N, C-alpha and C. Protein backbone atom coordinates (compact mmCIF):
# COMPACT_ATOMS: atom_id res chain seq x y z
N MET A 1 -9.83 18.36 27.69
CA MET A 1 -10.87 17.62 26.97
C MET A 1 -10.28 17.01 25.71
N PRO A 2 -10.51 15.71 25.47
CA PRO A 2 -9.97 15.08 24.25
C PRO A 2 -10.53 15.73 23.00
N GLY A 3 -9.76 15.67 21.92
CA GLY A 3 -10.22 16.24 20.66
C GLY A 3 -11.48 15.55 20.16
N GLN A 4 -12.29 16.30 19.42
CA GLN A 4 -13.52 15.76 18.86
C GLN A 4 -13.30 15.39 17.40
N VAL A 5 -13.95 14.33 16.97
CA VAL A 5 -13.68 13.74 15.66
C VAL A 5 -14.89 13.87 14.75
N ILE A 6 -14.65 14.43 13.58
CA ILE A 6 -15.68 14.55 12.55
C ILE A 6 -15.32 13.59 11.42
N THR A 7 -16.18 12.63 11.14
CA THR A 7 -15.97 11.73 10.01
C THR A 7 -16.86 12.18 8.87
N VAL A 8 -16.26 12.51 7.73
CA VAL A 8 -17.01 12.94 6.55
C VAL A 8 -17.16 11.72 5.65
N ALA A 9 -18.39 11.29 5.44
CA ALA A 9 -18.63 10.02 4.75
C ALA A 9 -19.78 10.13 3.76
N GLN A 10 -19.62 9.41 2.66
CA GLN A 10 -20.69 9.28 1.67
C GLN A 10 -20.32 8.14 0.73
N GLN A 11 -21.29 7.31 0.41
CA GLN A 11 -21.04 6.16 -0.45
C GLN A 11 -20.75 6.57 -1.89
N LYS A 12 -21.42 7.60 -2.37
CA LYS A 12 -21.29 7.99 -3.77
C LYS A 12 -20.11 8.93 -3.97
N GLY A 13 -19.31 8.65 -5.00
CA GLY A 13 -18.22 9.54 -5.34
C GLY A 13 -18.75 10.85 -5.91
N GLY A 14 -17.95 11.90 -5.82
CA GLY A 14 -18.36 13.19 -6.37
C GLY A 14 -19.34 13.95 -5.51
N SER A 15 -19.47 13.55 -4.26
CA SER A 15 -20.43 14.22 -3.37
C SER A 15 -19.84 15.47 -2.72
N GLY A 16 -18.51 15.62 -2.81
CA GLY A 16 -17.86 16.79 -2.21
C GLY A 16 -17.29 16.53 -0.83
N LYS A 17 -16.95 15.27 -0.54
CA LYS A 17 -16.41 14.95 0.79
C LYS A 17 -15.11 15.69 1.10
N THR A 18 -14.17 15.61 0.16
CA THR A 18 -12.87 16.24 0.40
C THR A 18 -13.02 17.76 0.49
N THR A 19 -13.82 18.33 -0.39
CA THR A 19 -14.04 19.77 -0.37
C THR A 19 -14.63 20.20 0.97
N LEU A 20 -15.58 19.45 1.46
CA LEU A 20 -16.18 19.76 2.75
C LEU A 20 -15.17 19.58 3.88
N SER A 21 -14.38 18.52 3.81
CA SER A 21 -13.38 18.25 4.85
C SER A 21 -12.39 19.39 4.99
N VAL A 22 -11.84 19.84 3.85
CA VAL A 22 -10.79 20.87 3.93
C VAL A 22 -11.37 22.20 4.37
N ASN A 23 -12.58 22.50 3.94
CA ASN A 23 -13.16 23.79 4.32
C ASN A 23 -13.56 23.83 5.79
N LEU A 24 -14.03 22.71 6.32
CA LEU A 24 -14.28 22.65 7.76
C LEU A 24 -12.97 22.79 8.53
N ALA A 25 -11.92 22.13 8.03
CA ALA A 25 -10.62 22.20 8.71
C ALA A 25 -10.10 23.63 8.76
N VAL A 26 -10.15 24.32 7.63
CA VAL A 26 -9.66 25.70 7.58
C VAL A 26 -10.52 26.60 8.47
N ALA A 27 -11.83 26.41 8.43
CA ALA A 27 -12.72 27.25 9.23
C ALA A 27 -12.49 27.05 10.73
N PHE A 28 -12.32 25.82 11.16
CA PHE A 28 -12.04 25.57 12.57
C PHE A 28 -10.69 26.14 12.97
N ALA A 29 -9.70 26.03 12.08
CA ALA A 29 -8.38 26.60 12.37
C ALA A 29 -8.47 28.12 12.52
N GLN A 30 -9.29 28.76 11.68
CA GLN A 30 -9.46 30.20 11.78
C GLN A 30 -10.19 30.61 13.06
N MET A 31 -10.89 29.67 13.67
CA MET A 31 -11.55 29.93 14.95
C MET A 31 -10.59 29.74 16.12
N GLY A 32 -9.35 29.39 15.81
CA GLY A 32 -8.35 29.21 16.86
C GLY A 32 -8.22 27.80 17.37
N ARG A 33 -8.88 26.85 16.70
CA ARG A 33 -8.78 25.46 17.12
C ARG A 33 -7.53 24.81 16.51
N LYS A 34 -6.99 23.86 17.22
CA LYS A 34 -5.88 23.07 16.67
C LYS A 34 -6.50 21.90 15.92
N VAL A 35 -6.21 21.82 14.62
CA VAL A 35 -6.93 20.91 13.73
C VAL A 35 -5.99 19.92 13.06
N ALA A 36 -6.44 18.69 12.94
CA ALA A 36 -5.73 17.66 12.17
C ALA A 36 -6.71 17.04 11.18
N VAL A 37 -6.20 16.70 10.00
CA VAL A 37 -7.01 16.01 9.00
C VAL A 37 -6.36 14.66 8.70
N ILE A 38 -7.20 13.66 8.50
CA ILE A 38 -6.72 12.31 8.20
C ILE A 38 -7.33 11.85 6.88
N ASP A 39 -6.49 11.46 5.94
CA ASP A 39 -6.94 10.98 4.64
C ASP A 39 -6.95 9.45 4.65
N SER A 40 -8.14 8.85 4.64
CA SER A 40 -8.24 7.40 4.59
C SER A 40 -8.75 6.92 3.23
N ASP A 41 -8.80 7.85 2.28
CA ASP A 41 -9.24 7.53 0.91
C ASP A 41 -8.02 7.26 0.04
N ALA A 42 -7.97 6.10 -0.60
CA ALA A 42 -6.82 5.72 -1.41
C ALA A 42 -6.59 6.67 -2.58
N GLN A 43 -7.61 7.42 -2.98
CA GLN A 43 -7.43 8.39 -4.06
C GLN A 43 -6.48 9.52 -3.65
N GLY A 44 -6.39 9.78 -2.37
CA GLY A 44 -5.42 10.74 -1.86
C GLY A 44 -5.67 12.19 -2.17
N SER A 45 -6.91 12.57 -2.43
CA SER A 45 -7.21 13.97 -2.77
C SER A 45 -6.88 14.92 -1.63
N LEU A 46 -7.19 14.50 -0.41
CA LEU A 46 -6.89 15.35 0.75
C LEU A 46 -5.39 15.52 0.91
N GLY A 47 -4.63 14.46 0.66
CA GLY A 47 -3.17 14.54 0.74
C GLY A 47 -2.60 15.49 -0.30
N ARG A 48 -3.15 15.46 -1.50
CA ARG A 48 -2.69 16.38 -2.55
C ARG A 48 -2.99 17.82 -2.17
N TRP A 49 -4.17 18.03 -1.60
CA TRP A 49 -4.52 19.37 -1.14
C TRP A 49 -3.52 19.83 -0.09
N PHE A 50 -3.18 18.96 0.85
CA PHE A 50 -2.27 19.35 1.92
C PHE A 50 -0.87 19.65 1.39
N MET A 51 -0.36 18.85 0.46
CA MET A 51 0.97 19.09 -0.09
C MET A 51 0.99 20.41 -0.87
N THR A 52 -0.08 20.69 -1.59
CA THR A 52 -0.19 21.97 -2.29
C THR A 52 -0.23 23.11 -1.27
N ARG A 53 -0.92 22.87 -0.17
CA ARG A 53 -1.03 23.88 0.89
C ARG A 53 0.34 24.17 1.51
N LEU A 54 1.14 23.14 1.71
CA LEU A 54 2.49 23.33 2.24
C LEU A 54 3.28 24.30 1.37
N GLU A 55 3.16 24.13 0.06
CA GLU A 55 3.88 25.01 -0.87
C GLU A 55 3.32 26.43 -0.82
N GLN A 56 2.00 26.54 -0.78
CA GLN A 56 1.35 27.85 -0.80
C GLN A 56 1.63 28.65 0.47
N THR A 57 1.79 27.96 1.59
CA THR A 57 1.93 28.65 2.88
C THR A 57 3.36 28.70 3.37
N GLY A 58 4.30 28.28 2.55
CA GLY A 58 5.70 28.31 2.96
C GLY A 58 6.00 27.38 4.12
N GLY A 59 5.32 26.24 4.14
CA GLY A 59 5.58 25.26 5.19
C GLY A 59 4.82 25.50 6.47
N GLU A 60 3.86 26.43 6.46
CA GLU A 60 3.04 26.71 7.65
C GLU A 60 1.57 26.49 7.30
N PRO A 61 1.15 25.23 7.21
CA PRO A 61 -0.21 24.94 6.71
C PRO A 61 -1.34 25.30 7.66
N GLY A 62 -1.04 25.40 8.96
CA GLY A 62 -2.10 25.75 9.92
C GLY A 62 -2.95 24.58 10.36
N VAL A 63 -2.78 23.43 9.71
CA VAL A 63 -3.44 22.19 10.13
C VAL A 63 -2.42 21.07 10.02
N ASP A 64 -2.64 19.99 10.76
CA ASP A 64 -1.76 18.83 10.67
C ASP A 64 -2.42 17.75 9.83
N PHE A 65 -1.60 16.85 9.30
CA PHE A 65 -2.10 15.89 8.32
C PHE A 65 -1.50 14.51 8.52
N SER A 66 -2.33 13.49 8.33
CA SER A 66 -1.87 12.10 8.32
C SER A 66 -2.67 11.32 7.29
N THR A 67 -2.08 10.24 6.80
CA THR A 67 -2.83 9.28 6.01
C THR A 67 -2.98 8.02 6.86
N ALA A 68 -4.01 7.25 6.56
CA ALA A 68 -4.22 6.01 7.32
C ALA A 68 -5.07 5.06 6.49
N SER A 69 -4.72 3.80 6.54
CA SER A 69 -5.60 2.79 5.97
C SER A 69 -6.84 2.72 6.85
N ALA A 70 -7.84 2.03 6.36
CA ALA A 70 -9.09 1.97 7.12
C ALA A 70 -8.87 1.53 8.56
N TRP A 71 -8.05 0.51 8.76
CA TRP A 71 -7.87 -0.03 10.11
C TRP A 71 -6.80 0.71 10.89
N GLY A 72 -6.12 1.67 10.25
CA GLY A 72 -5.15 2.49 10.96
C GLY A 72 -5.72 3.80 11.45
N VAL A 73 -6.97 4.08 11.07
CA VAL A 73 -7.60 5.34 11.45
C VAL A 73 -7.67 5.51 12.96
N ALA A 74 -8.09 4.48 13.65
CA ALA A 74 -8.26 4.58 15.10
C ALA A 74 -6.95 4.93 15.79
N TYR A 75 -5.85 4.38 15.29
CA TYR A 75 -4.53 4.68 15.87
C TYR A 75 -4.18 6.15 15.70
N GLU A 76 -4.39 6.69 14.49
CA GLU A 76 -4.10 8.10 14.24
C GLU A 76 -5.02 9.00 15.06
N VAL A 77 -6.28 8.63 15.14
CA VAL A 77 -7.24 9.43 15.92
C VAL A 77 -6.84 9.48 17.39
N ASP A 78 -6.46 8.34 17.94
CA ASP A 78 -6.07 8.30 19.36
C ASP A 78 -4.89 9.21 19.64
N LYS A 79 -3.95 9.29 18.71
CA LYS A 79 -2.80 10.20 18.88
C LYS A 79 -3.25 11.65 18.87
N TYR A 80 -4.07 12.00 17.88
CA TYR A 80 -4.47 13.40 17.73
C TYR A 80 -5.43 13.85 18.83
N ARG A 81 -6.22 12.95 19.36
CA ARG A 81 -7.15 13.33 20.43
C ARG A 81 -6.44 13.96 21.62
N LYS A 82 -5.21 13.56 21.84
CA LYS A 82 -4.44 14.04 22.99
C LYS A 82 -3.85 15.44 22.75
N THR A 83 -3.75 15.85 21.50
CA THR A 83 -3.04 17.09 21.19
C THR A 83 -3.84 18.11 20.38
N HIS A 84 -4.97 17.69 19.82
CA HIS A 84 -5.73 18.56 18.92
C HIS A 84 -7.17 18.72 19.40
N ASP A 85 -7.79 19.82 18.96
CA ASP A 85 -9.18 20.09 19.33
C ASP A 85 -10.16 19.41 18.39
N VAL A 86 -9.82 19.42 17.10
CA VAL A 86 -10.72 18.88 16.08
C VAL A 86 -9.92 17.98 15.14
N ILE A 87 -10.43 16.77 14.90
CA ILE A 87 -9.82 15.84 13.96
C ILE A 87 -10.88 15.53 12.90
N ILE A 88 -10.52 15.68 11.64
CA ILE A 88 -11.46 15.45 10.54
C ILE A 88 -10.95 14.30 9.68
N ILE A 89 -11.80 13.29 9.47
CA ILE A 89 -11.44 12.12 8.67
C ILE A 89 -12.18 12.17 7.34
N ASP A 90 -11.41 12.13 6.24
CA ASP A 90 -11.99 12.05 4.90
C ASP A 90 -11.97 10.58 4.48
N THR A 91 -13.14 9.99 4.26
CA THR A 91 -13.25 8.56 4.01
C THR A 91 -13.42 8.25 2.53
N PRO A 92 -13.16 6.99 2.12
CA PRO A 92 -13.35 6.61 0.72
C PRO A 92 -14.83 6.52 0.37
N PRO A 93 -15.16 6.69 -0.93
CA PRO A 93 -16.56 6.64 -1.36
C PRO A 93 -17.06 5.21 -1.52
N LYS A 94 -17.20 4.52 -0.42
CA LYS A 94 -17.74 3.16 -0.45
C LYS A 94 -18.27 2.83 0.94
N ILE A 95 -19.15 1.87 0.97
CA ILE A 95 -19.72 1.44 2.24
C ILE A 95 -19.38 -0.03 2.44
N ASP A 96 -18.46 -0.29 3.32
CA ASP A 96 -18.12 -1.66 3.69
C ASP A 96 -17.47 -1.64 5.07
N SER A 97 -16.93 -2.76 5.46
CA SER A 97 -16.35 -2.85 6.81
C SER A 97 -15.17 -1.91 7.00
N ASP A 98 -14.52 -1.48 5.90
CA ASP A 98 -13.38 -0.57 6.01
C ASP A 98 -13.78 0.79 6.58
N MET A 99 -15.06 1.16 6.41
CA MET A 99 -15.48 2.47 6.91
C MET A 99 -15.78 2.45 8.40
N ARG A 100 -16.03 1.29 8.94
CA ARG A 100 -16.47 1.21 10.33
C ARG A 100 -15.49 1.80 11.34
N PRO A 101 -14.17 1.58 11.19
CA PRO A 101 -13.26 2.19 12.17
C PRO A 101 -13.38 3.71 12.23
N ALA A 102 -13.56 4.35 11.06
CA ALA A 102 -13.70 5.81 11.04
C ALA A 102 -15.00 6.23 11.70
N LEU A 103 -16.08 5.51 11.42
CA LEU A 103 -17.35 5.82 12.05
C LEU A 103 -17.28 5.59 13.56
N ARG A 104 -16.65 4.51 13.94
CA ARG A 104 -16.56 4.15 15.36
C ARG A 104 -15.77 5.20 16.14
N SER A 105 -14.78 5.80 15.48
CA SER A 105 -13.92 6.79 16.15
C SER A 105 -14.55 8.17 16.23
N SER A 106 -15.65 8.38 15.52
CA SER A 106 -16.18 9.73 15.35
C SER A 106 -17.04 10.20 16.51
N SER A 107 -17.00 11.52 16.70
CA SER A 107 -17.94 12.18 17.60
C SER A 107 -19.21 12.53 16.84
N LEU A 108 -19.03 12.88 15.57
CA LEU A 108 -20.13 13.28 14.69
C LEU A 108 -19.81 12.83 13.27
N VAL A 109 -20.80 12.29 12.57
CA VAL A 109 -20.63 11.91 11.17
C VAL A 109 -21.31 12.98 10.32
N VAL A 110 -20.58 13.55 9.38
CA VAL A 110 -21.13 14.56 8.47
C VAL A 110 -21.22 13.95 7.08
N VAL A 111 -22.42 13.97 6.52
CA VAL A 111 -22.66 13.35 5.21
C VAL A 111 -23.07 14.41 4.20
N PRO A 112 -22.20 14.72 3.23
CA PRO A 112 -22.60 15.65 2.17
C PRO A 112 -23.47 14.93 1.15
N ILE A 113 -24.52 15.58 0.74
CA ILE A 113 -25.44 14.99 -0.24
C ILE A 113 -25.64 15.98 -1.37
N ALA A 114 -25.14 15.63 -2.56
CA ALA A 114 -25.35 16.50 -3.71
C ALA A 114 -26.84 16.50 -4.05
N ALA A 115 -27.27 17.59 -4.64
CA ALA A 115 -28.70 17.79 -4.88
C ALA A 115 -29.20 16.93 -6.04
N SER A 116 -29.35 15.63 -5.78
CA SER A 116 -29.92 14.72 -6.77
C SER A 116 -30.54 13.54 -6.03
N GLU A 117 -31.53 12.93 -6.67
CA GLU A 117 -32.17 11.77 -6.06
C GLU A 117 -31.19 10.62 -5.89
N VAL A 118 -30.28 10.45 -6.86
CA VAL A 118 -29.30 9.36 -6.80
C VAL A 118 -28.43 9.49 -5.56
N ASP A 119 -28.00 10.71 -5.27
CA ASP A 119 -27.17 10.93 -4.08
C ASP A 119 -27.95 10.68 -2.80
N MET A 120 -29.22 11.02 -2.82
CA MET A 120 -30.06 10.76 -1.65
C MET A 120 -30.18 9.26 -1.41
N TRP A 121 -30.37 8.50 -2.49
CA TRP A 121 -30.47 7.05 -2.35
C TRP A 121 -29.16 6.47 -1.80
N ALA A 122 -28.04 7.02 -2.27
CA ALA A 122 -26.73 6.50 -1.86
C ALA A 122 -26.45 6.73 -0.39
N THR A 123 -27.20 7.63 0.22
CA THR A 123 -26.97 7.96 1.63
C THR A 123 -27.43 6.85 2.57
N GLU A 124 -28.33 6.01 2.10
CA GLU A 124 -28.93 5.00 2.97
C GLU A 124 -27.89 4.10 3.63
N GLY A 125 -26.88 3.68 2.85
CA GLY A 125 -25.85 2.79 3.39
C GLY A 125 -25.05 3.43 4.51
N VAL A 126 -24.71 4.70 4.35
CA VAL A 126 -23.96 5.41 5.38
C VAL A 126 -24.79 5.52 6.65
N LEU A 127 -26.05 5.86 6.49
CA LEU A 127 -26.92 6.02 7.66
C LEU A 127 -27.08 4.70 8.41
N GLU A 128 -27.18 3.60 7.67
CA GLU A 128 -27.32 2.30 8.32
C GLU A 128 -26.07 1.95 9.14
N LEU A 129 -24.89 2.17 8.54
CA LEU A 129 -23.65 1.87 9.27
C LEU A 129 -23.48 2.78 10.49
N ALA A 130 -23.79 4.06 10.31
CA ALA A 130 -23.67 5.00 11.43
C ALA A 130 -24.63 4.62 12.56
N ALA A 131 -25.83 4.19 12.19
CA ALA A 131 -26.81 3.79 13.20
C ALA A 131 -26.32 2.58 13.98
N ARG A 132 -25.68 1.65 13.29
CA ARG A 132 -25.16 0.46 13.97
C ARG A 132 -24.08 0.83 14.99
N GLU A 133 -23.35 1.90 14.69
CA GLU A 133 -22.30 2.35 15.61
C GLU A 133 -22.83 3.34 16.63
N GLY A 134 -24.12 3.66 16.54
CA GLY A 134 -24.73 4.58 17.50
C GLY A 134 -24.26 6.02 17.34
N LYS A 135 -23.98 6.43 16.11
CA LYS A 135 -23.44 7.76 15.85
C LYS A 135 -24.51 8.71 15.30
N VAL A 136 -24.40 9.96 15.72
CA VAL A 136 -25.27 11.02 15.21
C VAL A 136 -24.75 11.47 13.84
N VAL A 137 -25.67 11.65 12.90
CA VAL A 137 -25.32 12.06 11.54
C VAL A 137 -25.89 13.44 11.26
N MET A 138 -25.04 14.33 10.75
CA MET A 138 -25.50 15.61 10.22
C MET A 138 -25.42 15.53 8.70
N ALA A 139 -26.53 15.74 8.03
CA ALA A 139 -26.58 15.70 6.57
C ALA A 139 -26.53 17.11 6.02
N VAL A 140 -25.67 17.30 5.01
CA VAL A 140 -25.46 18.63 4.43
C VAL A 140 -25.80 18.59 2.95
N LEU A 141 -26.77 19.39 2.53
CA LEU A 141 -27.09 19.49 1.12
C LEU A 141 -25.99 20.29 0.43
N ASN A 142 -25.37 19.68 -0.57
CA ASN A 142 -24.17 20.23 -1.20
C ASN A 142 -24.38 20.39 -2.71
N ARG A 143 -23.65 21.36 -3.29
CA ARG A 143 -23.71 21.61 -4.73
C ARG A 143 -25.14 21.83 -5.20
N ALA A 144 -25.86 22.58 -4.42
CA ALA A 144 -27.27 22.83 -4.70
C ALA A 144 -27.46 24.16 -5.42
N LYS A 145 -28.54 24.25 -6.15
CA LYS A 145 -28.96 25.52 -6.74
C LYS A 145 -30.06 26.05 -5.85
N SER A 146 -29.69 27.04 -5.04
CA SER A 146 -30.63 27.55 -4.03
C SER A 146 -31.88 28.11 -4.69
N GLY A 147 -32.99 27.91 -4.02
CA GLY A 147 -34.25 28.45 -4.51
C GLY A 147 -34.96 27.59 -5.53
N THR A 148 -34.35 26.46 -5.93
CA THR A 148 -34.98 25.59 -6.92
C THR A 148 -35.91 24.60 -6.24
N ARG A 149 -36.82 24.03 -7.03
CA ARG A 149 -37.75 23.05 -6.48
C ARG A 149 -37.00 21.81 -5.99
N LEU A 150 -35.94 21.43 -6.74
CA LEU A 150 -35.19 20.24 -6.36
C LEU A 150 -34.53 20.42 -4.99
N ALA A 151 -33.93 21.59 -4.78
CA ALA A 151 -33.28 21.85 -3.49
C ALA A 151 -34.30 21.81 -2.36
N ALA A 152 -35.45 22.40 -2.59
CA ALA A 152 -36.50 22.39 -1.56
C ALA A 152 -36.99 20.97 -1.28
N LYS A 153 -37.11 20.18 -2.35
CA LYS A 153 -37.55 18.79 -2.20
C LYS A 153 -36.53 17.98 -1.41
N MET A 154 -35.25 18.20 -1.72
CA MET A 154 -34.18 17.47 -1.04
C MET A 154 -34.16 17.81 0.45
N LEU A 155 -34.33 19.09 0.77
CA LEU A 155 -34.36 19.50 2.18
C LEU A 155 -35.54 18.86 2.91
N GLU A 156 -36.66 18.76 2.23
CA GLU A 156 -37.83 18.12 2.83
C GLU A 156 -37.56 16.64 3.09
N GLN A 157 -36.88 15.98 2.15
CA GLN A 157 -36.55 14.57 2.32
C GLN A 157 -35.55 14.37 3.47
N LEU A 158 -34.61 15.29 3.61
CA LEU A 158 -33.65 15.19 4.72
C LEU A 158 -34.37 15.23 6.06
N GLY A 159 -35.40 16.05 6.12
CA GLY A 159 -36.15 16.18 7.36
C GLY A 159 -36.86 14.90 7.77
N ALA A 160 -37.06 14.00 6.81
CA ALA A 160 -37.74 12.74 7.10
C ALA A 160 -36.78 11.63 7.49
N LEU A 161 -35.47 11.88 7.37
CA LEU A 161 -34.47 10.87 7.70
C LEU A 161 -34.04 10.99 9.16
N ASP A 162 -33.39 9.95 9.65
CA ASP A 162 -32.90 9.95 11.03
C ASP A 162 -31.54 10.64 11.06
N VAL A 163 -31.55 11.93 10.76
CA VAL A 163 -30.32 12.73 10.72
C VAL A 163 -30.61 14.10 11.32
N VAL A 164 -29.54 14.83 11.58
CA VAL A 164 -29.64 16.25 11.90
C VAL A 164 -29.44 16.99 10.59
N PRO A 165 -30.48 17.55 9.98
CA PRO A 165 -30.30 18.25 8.71
C PRO A 165 -29.68 19.62 8.93
N ALA A 166 -28.57 19.87 8.27
CA ALA A 166 -27.93 21.18 8.39
C ALA A 166 -28.82 22.25 7.77
N ALA A 167 -29.00 23.34 8.48
CA ALA A 167 -29.80 24.44 7.94
C ALA A 167 -29.06 25.13 6.80
N THR A 168 -27.73 25.07 6.84
CA THR A 168 -26.91 25.69 5.81
C THR A 168 -26.85 24.80 4.58
N VAL A 169 -27.13 25.38 3.42
CA VAL A 169 -27.02 24.67 2.14
C VAL A 169 -25.81 25.22 1.40
N LEU A 170 -24.95 24.32 0.93
CA LEU A 170 -23.78 24.74 0.16
C LEU A 170 -24.14 24.77 -1.32
N ALA A 171 -23.98 25.93 -1.93
CA ALA A 171 -24.35 26.09 -3.33
C ALA A 171 -23.28 25.54 -4.26
N ASN A 172 -23.66 25.35 -5.50
CA ASN A 172 -22.74 24.85 -6.53
C ASN A 172 -21.91 26.02 -7.05
N ARG A 173 -20.75 26.27 -6.44
CA ARG A 173 -19.93 27.43 -6.76
C ARG A 173 -18.55 26.99 -7.24
N VAL A 174 -18.05 27.66 -8.27
CA VAL A 174 -16.75 27.34 -8.85
C VAL A 174 -15.63 27.54 -7.84
N VAL A 175 -15.78 28.49 -6.93
CA VAL A 175 -14.71 28.83 -5.99
C VAL A 175 -14.34 27.65 -5.09
N TYR A 176 -15.26 26.73 -4.87
CA TYR A 176 -14.93 25.56 -4.05
C TYR A 176 -13.85 24.72 -4.72
N ALA A 177 -14.02 24.47 -6.02
CA ALA A 177 -13.02 23.68 -6.76
C ALA A 177 -11.73 24.47 -6.94
N GLU A 178 -11.84 25.76 -7.21
CA GLU A 178 -10.65 26.58 -7.42
C GLU A 178 -9.78 26.65 -6.17
N SER A 179 -10.40 26.86 -5.03
CA SER A 179 -9.63 26.97 -3.79
C SER A 179 -9.01 25.63 -3.41
N LEU A 180 -9.72 24.54 -3.66
CA LEU A 180 -9.19 23.21 -3.36
C LEU A 180 -7.91 22.96 -4.15
N GLY A 181 -7.92 23.33 -5.42
CA GLY A 181 -6.75 23.14 -6.27
C GLY A 181 -5.55 23.97 -5.85
N LYS A 182 -5.79 25.02 -5.09
CA LYS A 182 -4.71 25.89 -4.62
C LYS A 182 -4.25 25.53 -3.21
N GLY A 183 -4.83 24.47 -2.64
CA GLY A 183 -4.46 24.09 -1.28
C GLY A 183 -5.05 25.01 -0.23
N LEU A 184 -6.17 25.64 -0.54
CA LEU A 184 -6.77 26.62 0.35
C LEU A 184 -8.22 26.26 0.66
N GLY A 185 -8.79 26.98 1.62
CA GLY A 185 -10.21 26.94 1.86
C GLY A 185 -10.83 28.18 1.23
N VAL A 186 -12.13 28.17 1.01
CA VAL A 186 -12.75 29.33 0.36
C VAL A 186 -12.58 30.60 1.18
N ALA A 187 -12.53 30.47 2.49
CA ALA A 187 -12.37 31.65 3.35
C ALA A 187 -11.02 32.31 3.17
N GLU A 188 -10.06 31.57 2.64
CA GLU A 188 -8.72 32.12 2.42
C GLU A 188 -8.60 32.74 1.04
N VAL A 189 -9.57 32.49 0.19
CA VAL A 189 -9.57 33.08 -1.16
C VAL A 189 -10.31 34.42 -1.13
N SER A 190 -11.46 34.43 -0.48
CA SER A 190 -12.24 35.66 -0.35
C SER A 190 -13.03 35.62 0.95
N ARG A 191 -12.72 36.53 1.86
CA ARG A 191 -13.34 36.49 3.18
C ARG A 191 -14.81 36.90 3.16
N ASN A 192 -15.24 37.60 2.12
CA ASN A 192 -16.62 38.09 2.10
C ASN A 192 -17.48 37.43 1.03
N ALA A 193 -16.96 36.40 0.38
CA ALA A 193 -17.71 35.73 -0.67
C ALA A 193 -18.86 34.92 -0.08
N PRO A 194 -19.92 34.70 -0.87
CA PRO A 194 -21.03 33.89 -0.38
C PRO A 194 -20.60 32.50 0.09
N ALA A 195 -19.63 31.89 -0.61
CA ALA A 195 -19.16 30.56 -0.21
C ALA A 195 -18.54 30.60 1.18
N THR A 196 -17.82 31.68 1.47
CA THR A 196 -17.20 31.83 2.79
C THR A 196 -18.26 31.91 3.87
N GLU A 197 -19.32 32.65 3.61
CA GLU A 197 -20.41 32.76 4.58
C GLU A 197 -21.10 31.41 4.78
N GLU A 198 -21.24 30.65 3.69
CA GLU A 198 -21.83 29.32 3.81
C GLU A 198 -21.00 28.43 4.73
N ILE A 199 -19.69 28.42 4.50
CA ILE A 199 -18.81 27.56 5.30
C ILE A 199 -18.78 28.01 6.76
N LYS A 200 -18.75 29.31 6.99
CA LYS A 200 -18.79 29.81 8.37
C LYS A 200 -20.06 29.36 9.08
N ALA A 201 -21.18 29.47 8.39
CA ALA A 201 -22.46 29.09 8.99
C ALA A 201 -22.51 27.59 9.26
N LEU A 202 -22.03 26.80 8.30
CA LEU A 202 -22.04 25.35 8.49
C LEU A 202 -21.10 24.94 9.62
N THR A 203 -19.93 25.56 9.68
CA THR A 203 -18.98 25.24 10.75
C THR A 203 -19.57 25.55 12.11
N ALA A 204 -20.31 26.65 12.19
CA ALA A 204 -20.97 26.99 13.46
C ALA A 204 -21.99 25.92 13.84
N GLU A 205 -22.70 25.39 12.84
CA GLU A 205 -23.67 24.32 13.11
C GLU A 205 -22.97 23.05 13.59
N VAL A 206 -21.87 22.70 12.92
CA VAL A 206 -21.11 21.50 13.30
C VAL A 206 -20.54 21.67 14.70
N ASP A 207 -20.02 22.86 14.98
CA ASP A 207 -19.43 23.14 16.29
C ASP A 207 -20.48 23.03 17.39
N ALA A 208 -21.67 23.55 17.11
CA ALA A 208 -22.76 23.48 18.09
C ALA A 208 -23.17 22.02 18.33
N ALA A 209 -23.22 21.24 17.26
CA ALA A 209 -23.57 19.82 17.40
C ALA A 209 -22.53 19.07 18.22
N LEU A 210 -21.26 19.36 17.97
CA LEU A 210 -20.18 18.74 18.75
C LEU A 210 -20.29 19.11 20.23
N GLY A 211 -20.59 20.39 20.48
CA GLY A 211 -20.73 20.84 21.86
C GLY A 211 -21.87 20.15 22.57
N ALA A 212 -23.00 19.99 21.87
CA ALA A 212 -24.15 19.32 22.46
C ALA A 212 -23.86 17.86 22.76
N LEU A 213 -23.13 17.20 21.84
CA LEU A 213 -22.79 15.79 22.03
C LEU A 213 -21.82 15.62 23.19
N ALA A 214 -20.86 16.55 23.31
CA ALA A 214 -19.90 16.48 24.41
C ALA A 214 -20.60 16.68 25.75
N LYS A 215 -21.55 17.61 25.79
CA LYS A 215 -22.30 17.86 27.02
C LYS A 215 -23.13 16.64 27.40
N GLN A 216 -23.75 16.03 26.39
CA GLN A 216 -24.56 14.84 26.62
C GLN A 216 -23.71 13.69 27.16
N ALA A 217 -22.50 13.54 26.59
CA ALA A 217 -21.62 12.46 27.02
C ALA A 217 -21.14 12.65 28.45
N ALA A 218 -21.04 13.93 28.88
CA ALA A 218 -20.54 14.24 30.22
C ALA A 218 -21.61 14.07 31.30
N GLU A 219 -22.86 14.02 30.89
CA GLU A 219 -23.95 13.93 31.87
C GLU A 219 -24.12 12.51 32.41
């Protein structure tokens, strides 16, 4: 079976795209999947994480890595589909024609949304582009303060959009930034931390969505 592609996209910067990308990659790798990550963002945050990871792991990062311009994404994806189970694309924080190749190549689009009205508004452009490409979108509430009225309101708004709302909410935790700076995923910093449980739960949701889409495509 060809590898499945997760495109992590959001128009607004600071939404946590790279953080989500690396933690999904690490979680899938810990599940025994062969994982590749592709950095198509000129800021290169995913690439910096990977180079730091190479140093931290003694040259055994556990995931493979490539960079690609917007129009080179499809080429990299086609290569990895033949050899890997999961390919994750970290995209730039903008909505234009450059994002379309990543969306077009994806099995599932994952959109992190920070807990603010501004971030919710910024999601509209991603959803429109994904809809044009006929792609399913999973929206993930990120950097939220659980139990607050704002978080509850945001979850309610997600339910009204044409998306698959993730049941798992990622809280605003320092460990996400700390682990990213060390070239790690949160599960590699502390296996029993709340952040680790969040990522495990979200990865299970993403995996289930990918499985359902693959089954649907085979019918």
